[in-house]
Amino acid sequence: MSETEKRAGRDSNRATYRHGNVRADAVEAAYRMAAREGHEKLSLRQVATELGIAHRSLYNHFADRDALLDAVATEAFDRLAARLKRAVTSADFARIYARYALKNRHLYGLMTSRPHATMKDKPELQDAVHRVISEAMRISAPADADPGLRRRAVMKDFILMHGGLSLFAAGILDLPSEAALIDELSAMIATRA
């Protein structure tokens, strides 16, 4: 260790030193942790421990825990939007959306926990949400349709999807399996008026 590092109290060989993109690594680690255990108790300290860095260093990349959760939600919305690009019909859209939400229950819970009213202050998250909405609009309503009608068509789809998924998760819907739920949601969205 150099004299300058000794005076500054820094050890260039300490175990928490790392190269790479700390922010991206933190988002990926938090994404995995939230997918596995949920976001409710996820902390910056846990993510830092997972990465082998000092937890205070994450504050260079995230203002607080909510900023980290917003970044994870952004990643989850982006991954869902990428999958939804494969949808050709509204039934395809419903199947892809429902499968993602059911396979990633904890992440879906995080995604739906982000308040839309505050998204104007979170442009990356807002853009990711809009990528999902754009895929819904592409499927639900023709581009030349009245904007109000397009918005209502997308809202109907999201209300139906989220409502069905929430009721199924709560054990309220009398369906024998996730596959049955996906079939029902696909049929409802394909035939909605």
Protein backbone atom coordinates (compact mmCIF):
# COMPACT_ATOMS: atom_id res chain seq x y z
CA MET A 1 0.00 0.00 0.00
CA SER A 2 1.36 3.43 -0.88
CA GLU A 3 1.90 6.16 1.71
CA THR A 4 -0.87 8.20 0.13
CA GLU A 5 -3.32 5.29 0.47
CA LYS A 6 -2.23 4.71 4.09
CA ARG A 7 -2.80 8.38 4.95
CA ALA A 8 -6.19 8.30 3.25
CA GLY A 9 -7.09 5.13 5.11
CA ARG A 10 -7.59 3.16 1.93
CA ASP A 11 -6.37 -0.31 1.18
CA SER A 12 -6.26 -0.88 -2.56
CA ASN A 13 -6.42 -4.65 -2.00
CA ARG A 14 -9.47 -4.76 0.26
CA ALA A 15 -12.07 -7.44 -0.41
CA THR A 16 -14.83 -4.96 -1.30
CA TYR A 17 -12.94 -3.33 -4.17
CA ARG A 18 -14.30 -4.30 -7.59
CA HIS A 19 -14.17 -3.29 -11.19
CA GLY A 20 -17.11 -3.22 -13.53
CA ASN A 21 -20.47 -1.52 -13.69
CA VAL A 22 -21.60 -1.47 -10.07
CA ARG A 23 -25.00 0.00 -10.91
CA ALA A 24 -25.83 -2.67 -13.50
CA ASP A 25 -24.48 -5.41 -11.24
CA ALA A 26 -26.58 -4.10 -8.34
CA VAL A 27 -29.75 -3.99 -10.44
CA GLU A 28 -29.14 -7.54 -11.67
CA ALA A 29 -28.46 -8.82 -8.14
CA ALA A 30 -31.52 -7.02 -6.76
CA TYR A 31 -33.60 -8.37 -9.66
CA ARG A 32 -32.58 -11.94 -8.80
CA MET A 33 -33.15 -11.39 -5.10
CA ALA A 34 -36.56 -9.77 -5.63
CA ALA A 35 -37.57 -12.57 -8.01
CA ARG A 36 -36.61 -15.16 -5.43
CA GLU A 37 -37.80 -13.58 -2.18
CA GLY A 38 -39.89 -10.53 -3.00
CA HIS A 39 -39.05 -6.85 -2.76
CA GLU A 40 -40.66 -6.01 0.55
CA LYS A 41 -37.55 -6.62 2.66
CA LEU A 42 -34.89 -6.06 0.00
CA SER A 43 -32.25 -3.61 1.18
CA LEU A 44 -29.23 -1.85 -0.25
CA ARG A 45 -27.15 -3.60 2.39
CA GLN A 46 -28.28 -7.06 1.17
CA VAL A 47 -27.47 -6.18 -2.43
CA ALA A 48 -24.07 -4.80 -1.45
CA THR A 49 -23.30 -7.97 0.50
CA GLU A 50 -24.30 -10.05 -2.51
CA LEU A 51 -21.88 -8.03 -4.66
CA GLY A 52 -19.11 -7.98 -2.09
CA ILE A 53 -18.98 -4.20 -1.85
CA ALA A 54 -19.50 -1.70 0.95
CA HIS A 55 -23.18 -0.82 1.17
CA ARG A 56 -22.45 2.91 1.27
CA SER A 57 -20.97 2.65 -2.21
CA LEU A 58 -24.42 1.87 -3.61
CA TYR A 59 -25.51 5.38 -2.62
CA ASN A 60 -23.26 6.60 -5.44
CA HIS A 61 -25.72 4.90 -7.81
CA PHE A 62 -29.08 4.96 -5.98
CA ALA A 63 -30.44 7.76 -3.82
CA ASP A 64 -32.21 5.25 -1.60
CA ARG A 65 -33.93 1.85 -1.50
CA ASP A 66 -36.87 3.11 -3.57
CA ALA A 67 -34.51 4.19 -6.34
CA LEU A 68 -33.06 0.67 -6.41
CA LEU A 69 -36.56 -0.83 -6.50
CA ASP A 70 -37.49 1.54 -9.34
CA ALA A 71 -34.43 0.34 -11.28
CA VAL A 72 -35.42 -3.30 -10.73
CA ALA A 73 -39.01 -2.55 -11.78
CA THR A 74 -37.65 -0.81 -14.89
CA GLU A 75 -35.67 -3.94 -15.77
CA ALA A 76 -38.75 -6.12 -15.19
CA PHE A 77 -40.96 -3.91 -17.40
CA ASP A 78 -38.28 -3.95 -20.11
CA ARG A 79 -38.09 -7.75 -20.02
CA LEU A 80 -41.89 -8.01 -20.22
CA ALA A 81 -42.01 -5.53 -23.14
CA ALA A 82 -39.38 -7.55 -25.01
CA ARG A 83 -41.49 -10.69 -24.64
CA LEU A 84 -44.69 -8.88 -25.67
CA LYS A 85 -43.08 -7.89 -28.99
CA ARG A 86 -43.67 -11.51 -30.06
CA ALA A 87 -47.45 -11.15 -29.66
CA VAL A 88 -49.41 -11.16 -32.90
CA THR A 89 -52.95 -11.33 -31.52
CA SER A 90 -54.61 -10.11 -28.35
CA ALA A 91 -54.76 -13.74 -27.16
CA ASP A 92 -50.97 -13.98 -27.66
CA PHE A 93 -50.54 -10.78 -25.67
CA ALA A 94 -52.65 -12.15 -22.81
CA ARG A 95 -50.77 -15.45 -22.73
CA ILE A 96 -47.33 -13.81 -22.74
CA TYR A 97 -48.33 -11.24 -20.11
CA ALA A 98 -49.97 -13.81 -17.82
CA ARG A 99 -47.10 -16.29 -18.13
CA TYR A 100 -44.60 -13.57 -17.24
CA ALA A 101 -46.65 -12.43 -14.23
CA LEU A 102 -47.21 -15.99 -12.98
CA LYS A 103 -43.60 -17.08 -13.48
CA ASN A 104 -42.31 -13.89 -11.85
CA ARG A 105 -44.89 -13.33 -9.10
CA HIS A 106 -42.58 -11.37 -6.83
CA LEU A 107 -41.32 -9.17 -9.66
CA TYR A 108 -44.87 -8.60 -10.88
CA GLY A 109 -45.75 -7.51 -7.36
CA LEU A 110 -42.87 -5.03 -7.45
CA MET A 111 -43.88 -3.77 -10.90
CA THR A 112 -47.46 -3.14 -9.83
CA SER A 113 -46.33 -1.49 -6.58
CA ARG A 114 -44.71 1.46 -8.35
CA PRO A 115 -47.13 4.42 -8.18
CA HIS A 116 -47.89 5.75 -11.63
CA ALA A 117 -48.47 9.26 -10.30
CA THR A 118 -44.79 9.59 -9.38
CA MET A 119 -43.41 8.18 -12.63
CA LYS A 120 -43.08 11.60 -14.25
CA ASP A 121 -40.19 12.09 -11.82
CA LYS A 122 -38.69 8.72 -12.83
CA PRO A 123 -38.20 8.88 -16.61
CA GLU A 124 -36.44 5.50 -17.00
CA LEU A 125 -39.25 3.69 -15.19
CA GLN A 126 -41.90 5.68 -17.03
CA ASP A 127 -40.30 4.83 -20.39
CA ALA A 128 -40.19 1.12 -19.52
CA VAL A 129 -43.87 1.14 -18.51
CA HIS A 130 -44.71 2.93 -21.74
CA ARG A 131 -42.89 0.24 -23.73
CA VAL A 132 -45.30 -2.33 -22.25
CA ILE A 133 -48.26 -0.03 -22.91
CA SER A 134 -47.08 0.52 -26.50
CA GLU A 135 -47.09 -3.23 -27.07
CA ALA A 136 -50.63 -3.38 -25.69
CA MET A 137 -51.69 -0.54 -27.97
CA ARG A 138 -50.11 -2.24 -30.97
CA ILE A 139 -52.27 -5.29 -30.31
CA SER A 140 -55.45 -3.78 -28.84
CA ALA A 141 -56.35 -0.95 -31.17
CA PRO A 142 -55.46 0.18 -34.66
CA ALA A 143 -53.09 3.15 -34.85
CA ASP A 144 -55.68 5.18 -36.75
CA ALA A 145 -58.39 4.65 -34.10
CA ASP A 146 -59.59 7.48 -31.89
CA PRO A 147 -56.97 8.06 -29.14
CA GLY A 148 -59.63 7.82 -26.43
CA LEU A 149 -60.83 4.48 -27.77
CA ARG A 150 -57.26 3.17 -27.95
CA ARG A 151 -56.61 4.24 -24.37
CA ARG A 152 -59.80 2.57 -23.14
CA ALA A 153 -59.02 -0.64 -25.05
CA VAL A 154 -55.61 -0.86 -23.38
CA MET A 155 -57.06 -0.02 -19.98
CA LYS A 156 -59.63 -2.79 -20.36
CA ASP A 157 -56.90 -5.28 -21.17
CA PHE A 158 -54.72 -4.25 -18.23
CA ILE A 159 -57.64 -4.16 -15.80
CA LEU A 160 -58.75 -7.60 -16.96
CA MET A 161 -55.24 -9.04 -16.79
CA HIS A 162 -54.30 -7.56 -13.43
CA GLY A 163 -57.69 -8.30 -11.92
CA GLY A 164 -57.62 -11.91 -13.08
CA LEU A 165 -54.05 -12.44 -11.90
CA SER A 166 -54.77 -10.84 -8.51
CA LEU A 167 -57.95 -12.84 -7.94
CA PHE A 168 -56.18 -16.06 -8.92
CA ALA A 169 -53.26 -15.31 -6.58
CA ALA A 170 -55.72 -14.66 -3.75
CA GLY A 171 -57.41 -18.03 -4.38
CA ILE A 172 -60.72 -16.39 -5.26
CA LEU A 173 -61.03 -17.69 -8.83
CA ASP A 174 -62.17 -21.27 -9.12
CA LEU A 175 -59.71 -22.41 -11.75
CA PRO A 176 -57.75 -25.65 -11.51
CA SER A 177 -54.39 -24.36 -12.72
CA GLU A 178 -52.30 -21.50 -14.04
CA ALA A 179 -52.82 -22.91 -17.54
CA ALA A 180 -56.59 -22.66 -17.07
CA LEU A 181 -56.23 -19.04 -15.94
CA ILE A 182 -54.08 -18.22 -18.96
CA ASP A 183 -56.64 -19.84 -21.28
CA GLU A 184 -59.50 -17.87 -19.67
CA LEU A 185 -57.68 -14.53 -19.81
CA SER A 186 -56.64 -15.14 -23.42
CA ALA A 187 -60.21 -15.98 -24.42
CA MET A 188 -61.65 -12.96 -22.62
CA ILE A 189 -59.20 -10.52 -24.16
CA ALA A 190 -59.57 -12.07 -27.63
CA THR A 191 -63.36 -11.61 -27.49
CA ARG A 192 -63.65 -8.32 -25.60
CA ALA A 193 -65.66 -5.59 -27.23
